[in-house]
Amino acid sequence: MLGATVYSLPPAWALLGYVLAIACFARGIKMLTSPKTAHLGNRVAGVGMLIAIGVTLGQFHVGWQYIVPAAALGAIIGAVWALRVPMTAMPQMVAMFNGMGGGAAALIALGDFHRLTLGGVVLGPIDSGTILLSCLIGSISFAGSMIAFAKLQELMTGTPITWPFQHEINGALLLVLVAIGIVIMVTGGGGALMIVFFIGALALGVMAVLPVGGADMPVIISLLNSFTGVAAAVTGFVIGNYSLVVAGALVGASGSILTVLMSKAMNRPITNVLFGAFGQVAEGPAGAALAPGKTVHPTSAEDLAVLLAYSQQVIFVPGYGLAVARAQHEVKELADILKARGVRVLYAIHPVAGRMPGHMNVLLAEADVPYDELKEMDQVNPEFARTDVAVVIGANDVVNPAALNDPKSPIWGMPILRADQAKTVVVLKRSMRPGFAGIENELFYHDNTLMLFGDAKDSVNKLIAEVKLQAAA
């Protein structure tokens, strides 16, 4: 513990348990790097967390009447939610659970501060600074994750919410929090100031994420996840728990690395993600009028079925629209039918497709799509030029050639899936409304692009029926 309490080593059996838990954390994260081992890796890390919790609780001999009911209730809520939440809502669940971790870290730091100061302990600058850091980062992570959840759940608009002088206001609030923190560190106490600090940190988390658009949610979720990890690690120092320090550091480091990779995938610095208000979705009714001089080429399920049935290679390009339509199982069924006819089938996965890192991988894995058919952008892009049909289902900005052709485009420079290089591109889409970037997709007007309008699930079911007819003919 912090303050006047002297650190003491846990008993030998507890240290051994913590080492085992840490080994499970490290091994689990390593296994998450491959789709083939990710499921087992998640279980290994879960076992590690169970060991860490058991060892920690085993060192306490009081308070079980509060700990056990709370832990049981949390376990029941988590299990029920995990079982009932569909894969389409997985980003929301990740944001919610991540926020809970940050909030827990902040509350632990806040509680420890008041426990020590009310007990007459005058905290030193390092002790109080550690508590303040845990409270600040955890509060920002919690509040920001709740806003991300609300945006993803469509409880509030997914477009950036901006206001005059927003960056200046946020900067001023941060400076105020720093000033309050310095006062607390100098005085070694100040319960009322700590409450103000906590509320201000929550407000900063809200105002920092409100201007972020839905298109940047994968990056923000990853960044907030890293914040939660850092908050947990700092909280580990606050309460003197070694496994929490290591587990938090692992989460913080991996989340930071993933955030950088996601930003590179969009060819945009993290500062632009946080402060650029990117993703202003253009307003207008579904099926908005076409741009002057541009023509789309609608197709039917019957005509497309013939094209697919006699192809040699087909690449499916999934996007968030696939998740919304919950059509992953139907796409897998269609792919199986095509493979039975000798067609080679691949799935092109863009790093930022969907609403969270790895969203498309998880969605397709739920439908038992073979891992070796899931191809990352660098792997699959050379395949498009020798592909007969590229079927874009619910994706938009990640296949927009404007990223390569239009220096004035907001997505200029973003690496894209080169679906436009396929002999024929088929886009399954409800309407001509733009994606999260709020811009038209040049691909929709290419001469080799066909548009199949309608709900993705209904469209794929029609294709399944028509391809089966081709096979029976």
Foldseek 3Di string as FASTA:
>chain_A
DAFPDDDDDDDPVLVVLLVLLLVLLVQLVVLCVAPVRNVVSVVSNVVSVVSLVVSVVVVDDDDCVPVVVVVVVVVVVVVVCVVPDDLLLVLLVLLQVLLVLLQVLLVLLLVLQCVQVVVVTQGALVLLVLSLLLNLLSLLLNLLSVVLSCCSVVVDPQAADDDPCLVVVLVVLVVVLVVLSVVCNVRSHDSPSSVVSNVSSNVSSNSQNRLAHQLLLQLVSLQSQLSSLVSQLSSCVNVVRPSSVSSSNVRNVVSVVLSVVVCVLLPHDVCCRRPVSFQRADDDDFADDDDPPFDFAADALLVVLVLLLPWQEEEEEEASLCSVLLQLLLVVLLVVLSVVSNHHYAYEDRQSGRRHGCSVVVSNVVNVDDSVRYDYQVGCQVVQLVGAEYEYEHDAPQQACCLPVPPPQPSPVNHHRPNVNHQAYEYEEAHQGHDRSNDGRPSRRDPRYYYHHDRRNVSSVSNSVSNVVVVVD
